[in-house]
Amino acid sequence: MPVKPDSRFANLSVRQVTAPDGTTRQVISLRLVRPAAGERLARHRVKQGETIDLLAQHFYGDEGLWWRILDANPLIYPLDIAPGDLLDIPAAGPATRITRSRSF
């Protein structure tokens, strides 16, 4: 199970586990500590009505990159973000940059 270096799962160990049906499969370990701090784009105080996916859309142009914000902050569940929380917004990394498969 190769993991790309720009993936959110890069540098996490891959383990072999046995499923309840007896088959074995490879799974990626959970990240229990946040990654080393990179360059910070901003600090943002959450306002009423803001969700993690809306913040990702605002800062990165892609709501699917919500995990970048969560990985840059202490371990929290996405639905536990509340108005008044202060979040570090990491700078765009390889996973947030658009690359074209063809040149024009």
Protein backbone atom coordinates (compact mmCIF):
# COMPACT_ATOMS: atom_id res chain seq x y z
CA MET A 1 0.00 0.00 0.00
CA PRO A 2 2.19 2.88 -1.21
CA VAL A 3 1.42 6.31 0.22
CA LYS A 4 2.39 9.44 -1.72
CA PRO A 5 4.77 11.79 0.12
CA ASP A 6 2.27 14.69 -0.14
CA SER A 7 -0.59 12.64 1.33
CA ARG A 8 -1.99 13.32 4.79
CA PHE A 9 -1.04 9.70 5.54
CA ALA A 10 2.65 10.12 4.63
CA ASN A 11 5.09 8.93 7.31
CA LEU A 12 2.44 6.91 9.15
CA SER A 13 3.19 3.25 9.68
CA VAL A 14 1.29 0.56 7.81
CA ARG A 15 0.17 -2.40 9.90
CA GLN A 16 -1.24 -5.79 9.05
CA VAL A 17 -4.42 -6.64 10.96
CA THR A 18 -6.79 -9.58 11.06
CA ALA A 19 -10.42 -8.77 10.32
CA PRO A 20 -13.33 -10.45 12.15
CA ASP A 21 -13.80 -12.77 9.14
CA GLY A 22 -10.20 -14.01 9.50
CA THR A 23 -8.76 -12.24 6.46
CA THR A 24 -5.70 -10.05 6.83
CA ARG A 25 -5.38 -6.55 5.45
CA GLN A 26 -3.07 -3.60 5.64
CA VAL A 27 -4.21 -0.44 7.40
CA ILE A 28 -2.56 2.89 8.04
CA SER A 29 -1.99 3.75 11.70
CA LEU A 30 -3.77 6.69 13.28
CA ARG A 31 -1.88 9.91 13.85
CA LEU A 32 -1.93 10.39 17.63
CA VAL A 33 0.19 13.52 17.70
CA ARG A 34 0.02 16.44 15.38
CA PRO A 35 2.72 16.76 12.73
CA ALA A 36 5.66 19.10 13.20
CA ALA A 37 4.58 22.68 12.81
CA GLY A 38 5.14 24.04 9.36
CA GLU A 39 4.68 27.54 8.09
CA ARG A 40 1.45 29.10 9.31
CA LEU A 41 -0.74 30.99 6.87
CA ALA A 42 -3.00 32.54 9.52
CA ARG A 43 -4.65 32.20 12.91
CA HIS A 44 -8.41 32.21 12.68
CA ARG A 45 -11.02 32.70 15.37
CA VAL A 46 -14.07 30.60 14.49
CA LYS A 47 -17.27 32.59 13.99
CA GLN A 48 -20.86 31.43 14.40
CA GLY A 49 -21.88 29.20 11.48
CA GLU A 50 -18.34 28.38 10.32
CA THR A 51 -17.48 24.74 9.83
CA ILE A 52 -14.13 23.11 9.14
CA ASP A 53 -15.00 22.42 5.51
CA LEU A 54 -16.07 26.03 4.94
CA LEU A 55 -12.78 27.23 6.41
CA ALA A 56 -10.89 24.91 4.06
CA GLN A 57 -12.88 26.28 1.11
CA HIS A 58 -12.07 29.84 2.19
CA PHE A 59 -8.34 29.35 2.80
CA TYR A 60 -7.48 26.69 0.19
CA GLY A 61 -10.29 26.84 -2.35
CA ASP A 62 -11.18 23.20 -1.67
CA GLU A 63 -13.48 22.04 1.13
CA GLY A 64 -11.99 18.55 0.90
CA LEU A 65 -8.76 19.82 2.47
CA TRP A 66 -10.37 20.31 5.91
CA TRP A 67 -7.95 17.73 7.33
CA ARG A 68 -5.00 20.14 6.76
CA ILE A 69 -6.49 22.50 9.34
CA LEU A 70 -7.27 19.72 11.82
CA ASP A 71 -3.78 18.23 11.49
CA ALA A 72 -2.23 21.62 12.34
CA ASN A 73 -4.16 21.95 15.60
CA PRO A 74 -4.45 19.90 18.80
CA LEU A 75 -6.41 16.69 18.35
CA ILE A 76 -10.09 17.60 18.06
CA TYR A 77 -13.15 16.07 16.45
CA PRO A 78 -14.33 18.19 13.48
CA LEU A 79 -17.84 18.66 14.89
CA ASP A 80 -16.45 19.93 18.21
CA ILE A 81 -15.20 23.19 16.68
CA ALA A 82 -17.14 26.02 18.26
CA PRO A 83 -17.40 29.80 17.84
CA GLY A 84 -14.50 31.48 19.61
CA ASP A 85 -12.01 28.63 19.03
CA LEU A 86 -8.65 29.81 17.72
CA LEU A 87 -7.27 27.65 14.90
CA ASP A 88 -3.87 27.66 13.22
CA ILE A 89 -4.27 27.61 9.45
CA PRO A 90 -1.20 26.01 7.87
CA ALA A 91 0.30 27.41 4.69
CA ALA A 92 -0.54 25.63 1.48
CA GLY A 93 1.55 22.51 1.08
CA PRO A 94 1.96 20.03 -1.77
CA ALA A 95 -1.45 18.51 -1.06
CA THR A 96 -3.16 21.90 -1.54
CA ARG A 97 -1.42 22.91 -4.75
CA ILE A 98 -3.00 22.15 -8.09
CA THR A 99 -0.80 20.32 -10.56
CA ARG A 100 -1.75 19.77 -14.15
CA SER A 101 -1.28 16.42 -15.75
CA ARG A 102 -0.65 18.07 -19.13
CA SER A 103 1.03 21.23 -20.30
CA PHE A 104 -0.78 23.57 -22.64
